[in-house]
Amino acid sequence: MPKLLKSVRHLCSLIETGKGFVTAKTLAKIADVLNVDVFKLFLVKNDDNLDLFYQNILKKVEKYKNNKEKLVLLDAFLNAL
């Protein structure tokens, strides 16, 4: 798990600076850890209601409050934004 987190942080940095791209293998690993289908990583909602987005995010995070592995990964991902 720590190795994956380090990879995710590094990958986010490369993508943000335009020096790298995510691979299908990495997307599959991220989706597996988050327990979602890969296509869900690409879903974009066309809704301008920021409060609704925030409430939806909180509901999703609540499901993982007792799952240390997923919370650590989520924390690393959010820190990389």
N, C-alpha and C. Protein backbone atom coordinates (compact mmCIF):
# COMPACT_ATOMS: atom_id res chain seq x y z
N MET A 1 0.81 -1.21 0.00
CA MET A 1 0.00 0.00 0.00
C MET A 1 0.86 1.27 0.00
N PRO A 2 1.87 1.39 0.85
CA PRO A 2 2.69 2.60 0.82
C PRO A 2 3.35 2.83 -0.55
N LYS A 3 3.75 1.75 -1.19
CA LYS A 3 4.37 1.87 -2.51
C LYS A 3 3.37 2.44 -3.51
N LEU A 4 2.12 1.98 -3.45
CA LEU A 4 1.08 2.48 -4.34
C LEU A 4 0.82 3.96 -4.07
N LEU A 5 0.77 4.35 -2.79
CA LEU A 5 0.55 5.75 -2.44
C LEU A 5 1.66 6.64 -2.98
N LYS A 6 2.89 6.17 -2.85
CA LYS A 6 4.02 6.94 -3.37
C LYS A 6 3.90 7.07 -4.88
N SER A 7 3.48 6.01 -5.55
CA SER A 7 3.30 6.04 -7.00
C SER A 7 2.20 7.01 -7.40
N VAL A 8 1.10 7.02 -6.65
CA VAL A 8 -0.02 7.91 -6.95
C VAL A 8 0.42 9.36 -6.80
N ARG A 9 1.12 9.68 -5.72
CA ARG A 9 1.59 11.05 -5.51
C ARG A 9 2.52 11.48 -6.63
N HIS A 10 3.46 10.61 -6.97
CA HIS A 10 4.42 10.92 -8.03
C HIS A 10 3.69 11.10 -9.36
N LEU A 11 2.76 10.21 -9.66
CA LEU A 11 2.01 10.28 -10.91
C LEU A 11 1.21 11.57 -10.99
N CYS A 12 0.54 11.94 -9.92
CA CYS A 12 -0.24 13.19 -9.91
C CYS A 12 0.67 14.38 -10.19
N SER A 13 1.84 14.37 -9.62
CA SER A 13 2.80 15.45 -9.85
C SER A 13 3.20 15.51 -11.32
N LEU A 14 3.49 14.37 -11.90
CA LEU A 14 3.89 14.33 -13.31
C LEU A 14 2.76 14.79 -14.23
N ILE A 15 1.54 14.37 -13.94
CA ILE A 15 0.39 14.76 -14.76
C ILE A 15 0.16 16.26 -14.66
N GLU A 16 0.22 16.80 -13.43
CA GLU A 16 -0.02 18.22 -13.23
C GLU A 16 1.00 19.09 -13.95
N THR A 17 2.22 18.61 -14.07
CA THR A 17 3.27 19.39 -14.73
C THR A 17 3.38 19.07 -16.22
N GLY A 18 2.54 18.16 -16.71
CA GLY A 18 2.56 17.80 -18.12
C GLY A 18 3.72 16.92 -18.51
N LYS A 19 4.35 16.31 -17.52
CA LYS A 19 5.52 15.46 -17.79
C LYS A 19 5.19 13.98 -17.79
N GLY A 20 3.95 13.62 -17.54
CA GLY A 20 3.60 12.21 -17.50
C GLY A 20 2.12 11.98 -17.72
N PHE A 21 1.80 10.74 -17.96
CA PHE A 21 0.42 10.35 -18.19
C PHE A 21 0.11 9.08 -17.41
N VAL A 22 -1.12 8.90 -17.06
CA VAL A 22 -1.54 7.71 -16.33
C VAL A 22 -1.67 6.54 -17.31
N THR A 23 -1.27 5.37 -16.85
CA THR A 23 -1.41 4.17 -17.68
C THR A 23 -2.69 3.43 -17.30
N ALA A 24 -3.12 2.57 -18.18
CA ALA A 24 -4.30 1.75 -17.90
C ALA A 24 -4.06 0.89 -16.67
N LYS A 25 -2.84 0.40 -16.52
CA LYS A 25 -2.50 -0.44 -15.36
C LYS A 25 -2.64 0.35 -14.06
N THR A 26 -2.16 1.59 -14.06
CA THR A 26 -2.26 2.42 -12.86
C THR A 26 -3.71 2.77 -12.55
N LEU A 27 -4.48 3.10 -13.59
CA LEU A 27 -5.90 3.38 -13.39
C LEU A 27 -6.61 2.17 -12.78
N ALA A 28 -6.26 1.00 -13.25
CA ALA A 28 -6.88 -0.22 -12.73
C ALA A 28 -6.53 -0.42 -11.26
N LYS A 29 -5.28 -0.12 -10.88
CA LYS A 29 -4.87 -0.26 -9.48
C LYS A 29 -5.62 0.74 -8.59
N ILE A 30 -5.71 1.99 -9.05
CA ILE A 30 -6.41 3.00 -8.28
C ILE A 30 -7.88 2.63 -8.11
N ALA A 31 -8.51 2.20 -9.20
CA ALA A 31 -9.91 1.81 -9.14
C ALA A 31 -10.11 0.61 -8.21
N ASP A 32 -9.17 -0.32 -8.23
CA ASP A 32 -9.26 -1.49 -7.37
C ASP A 32 -9.19 -1.10 -5.90
N VAL A 33 -8.25 -0.23 -5.56
CA VAL A 33 -8.12 0.20 -4.17
C VAL A 33 -9.36 0.97 -3.72
N LEU A 34 -9.91 1.78 -4.62
CA LEU A 34 -11.10 2.56 -4.29
C LEU A 34 -12.40 1.74 -4.42
N ASN A 35 -12.26 0.52 -4.94
CA ASN A 35 -13.41 -0.38 -5.10
C ASN A 35 -14.48 0.21 -6.03
N VAL A 36 -14.02 0.76 -7.16
CA VAL A 36 -14.94 1.29 -8.17
C VAL A 36 -14.50 0.79 -9.54
N ASP A 37 -15.42 0.85 -10.50
CA ASP A 37 -15.06 0.52 -11.88
C ASP A 37 -14.22 1.66 -12.44
N VAL A 38 -13.28 1.33 -13.33
CA VAL A 38 -12.36 2.33 -13.89
C VAL A 38 -13.13 3.48 -14.54
N PHE A 39 -14.21 3.17 -15.25
CA PHE A 39 -14.93 4.23 -15.95
C PHE A 39 -15.47 5.29 -14.99
N LYS A 40 -15.71 4.92 -13.75
CA LYS A 40 -16.24 5.88 -12.78
C LYS A 40 -15.20 6.96 -12.43
N LEU A 41 -13.93 6.68 -12.68
CA LEU A 41 -12.89 7.68 -12.45
C LEU A 41 -13.00 8.83 -13.45
N PHE A 42 -13.73 8.61 -14.53
CA PHE A 42 -13.84 9.61 -15.59
C PHE A 42 -15.19 10.31 -15.64
N LEU A 43 -16.09 9.94 -14.76
CA LEU A 43 -17.41 10.55 -14.78
C LEU A 43 -17.33 12.01 -14.32
N VAL A 44 -17.96 12.86 -15.06
CA VAL A 44 -18.00 14.28 -14.72
C VAL A 44 -19.46 14.69 -14.67
N LYS A 45 -19.84 15.31 -13.58
CA LYS A 45 -21.20 15.79 -13.44
C LYS A 45 -21.26 17.24 -13.91
N ASN A 46 -22.27 17.55 -14.67
CA ASN A 46 -22.47 18.93 -15.13
C ASN A 46 -23.46 19.62 -14.22
N ASP A 47 -23.02 19.89 -13.01
CA ASP A 47 -23.87 20.52 -12.01
C ASP A 47 -23.07 21.64 -11.35
N ASP A 48 -23.63 22.81 -11.33
CA ASP A 48 -22.93 23.95 -10.76
C ASP A 48 -23.16 24.11 -9.26
N ASN A 49 -23.92 23.21 -8.66
CA ASN A 49 -24.24 23.31 -7.25
C ASN A 49 -23.09 22.72 -6.42
N LEU A 50 -22.18 23.58 -5.96
CA LEU A 50 -21.01 23.12 -5.22
C LEU A 50 -21.38 22.44 -3.92
N ASP A 51 -22.45 22.90 -3.27
CA ASP A 51 -22.87 22.28 -2.03
C ASP A 51 -23.29 20.83 -2.27
N LEU A 52 -23.94 20.57 -3.39
CA LEU A 52 -24.34 19.21 -3.73
C LEU A 52 -23.11 18.33 -3.95
N PHE A 53 -22.12 18.85 -4.66
CA PHE A 53 -20.88 18.11 -4.85
C PHE A 53 -20.25 17.78 -3.50
N TYR A 54 -20.17 18.78 -2.64
CA TYR A 54 -19.56 18.61 -1.32
C TYR A 54 -20.30 17.55 -0.50
N GLN A 55 -21.61 17.60 -0.49
CA GLN A 55 -22.41 16.64 0.27
C GLN A 55 -22.23 15.22 -0.28
N ASN A 56 -22.16 15.09 -1.60
CA ASN A 56 -21.94 13.77 -2.21
C ASN A 56 -20.57 13.22 -1.83
N ILE A 57 -19.57 14.07 -1.81
CA ILE A 57 -18.23 13.64 -1.43
C ILE A 57 -18.21 13.18 0.03
N LEU A 58 -18.84 13.95 0.90
CA LEU A 58 -18.88 13.57 2.31
C LEU A 58 -19.57 12.22 2.51
N LYS A 59 -20.64 11.97 1.79
CA LYS A 59 -21.35 10.68 1.89
C LYS A 59 -20.44 9.53 1.48
N LYS A 60 -19.68 9.74 0.42
CA LYS A 60 -18.79 8.69 -0.07
C LYS A 60 -17.64 8.44 0.91
N VAL A 61 -17.09 9.50 1.48
CA VAL A 61 -16.00 9.36 2.44
C VAL A 61 -16.49 8.66 3.71
N GLU A 62 -17.69 8.96 4.12
CA GLU A 62 -18.28 8.35 5.32
C GLU A 62 -18.24 6.81 5.25
N LYS A 63 -18.42 6.26 4.05
CA LYS A 63 -18.41 4.80 3.89
C LYS A 63 -17.05 4.20 4.26
N TYR A 64 -16.00 5.00 4.18
CA TYR A 64 -14.65 4.48 4.41
C TYR A 64 -14.05 4.91 5.74
N LYS A 65 -14.85 5.45 6.64
CA LYS A 65 -14.30 5.99 7.88
C LYS A 65 -13.60 4.93 8.74
N ASN A 66 -13.91 3.67 8.55
CA ASN A 66 -13.28 2.60 9.32
C ASN A 66 -12.31 1.77 8.48
N ASN A 67 -11.98 2.25 7.29
CA ASN A 67 -11.09 1.52 6.40
C ASN A 67 -9.80 2.33 6.25
N LYS A 68 -8.81 2.00 7.07
CA LYS A 68 -7.56 2.76 7.11
C LYS A 68 -6.88 2.81 5.75
N GLU A 69 -6.83 1.70 5.05
CA GLU A 69 -6.15 1.64 3.76
C GLU A 69 -6.76 2.64 2.76
N LYS A 70 -8.07 2.66 2.69
CA LYS A 70 -8.73 3.55 1.74
C LYS A 70 -8.65 5.01 2.19
N LEU A 71 -8.71 5.26 3.49
CA LEU A 71 -8.58 6.63 3.97
C LEU A 71 -7.18 7.18 3.72
N VAL A 72 -6.17 6.34 3.89
CA VAL A 72 -4.79 6.77 3.62
C VAL A 72 -4.64 7.11 2.14
N LEU A 73 -5.17 6.26 1.27
CA LEU A 73 -5.10 6.52 -0.16
C LEU A 73 -5.87 7.78 -0.52
N LEU A 74 -7.05 7.95 0.03
CA LEU A 74 -7.84 9.14 -0.25
C LEU A 74 -7.12 10.39 0.23
N ASP A 75 -6.52 10.33 1.40
CA ASP A 75 -5.78 11.46 1.93
C ASP A 75 -4.61 11.83 1.01
N ALA A 76 -3.90 10.83 0.53
CA ALA A 76 -2.77 11.08 -0.38
C ALA A 76 -3.27 11.70 -1.68
N PHE A 77 -4.37 11.20 -2.19
CA PHE A 77 -4.92 11.71 -3.42
C PHE A 77 -5.35 13.18 -3.25
N LEU A 78 -6.04 13.47 -2.17
CA LEU A 78 -6.50 14.84 -1.93
C LEU A 78 -5.32 15.79 -1.70
N ASN A 79 -4.30 15.31 -1.03
CA ASN A 79 -3.11 16.15 -0.83
C ASN A 79 -2.39 16.46 -2.13
N ALA A 80 -2.52 15.57 -3.10
CA ALA A 80 -1.86 15.76 -4.39
C ALA A 80 -2.61 16.73 -5.30
N LEU A 81 -3.85 17.04 -4.95
CA LEU A 81 -4.63 17.97 -5.80
C LEU A 81 -4.09 19.37 -5.73
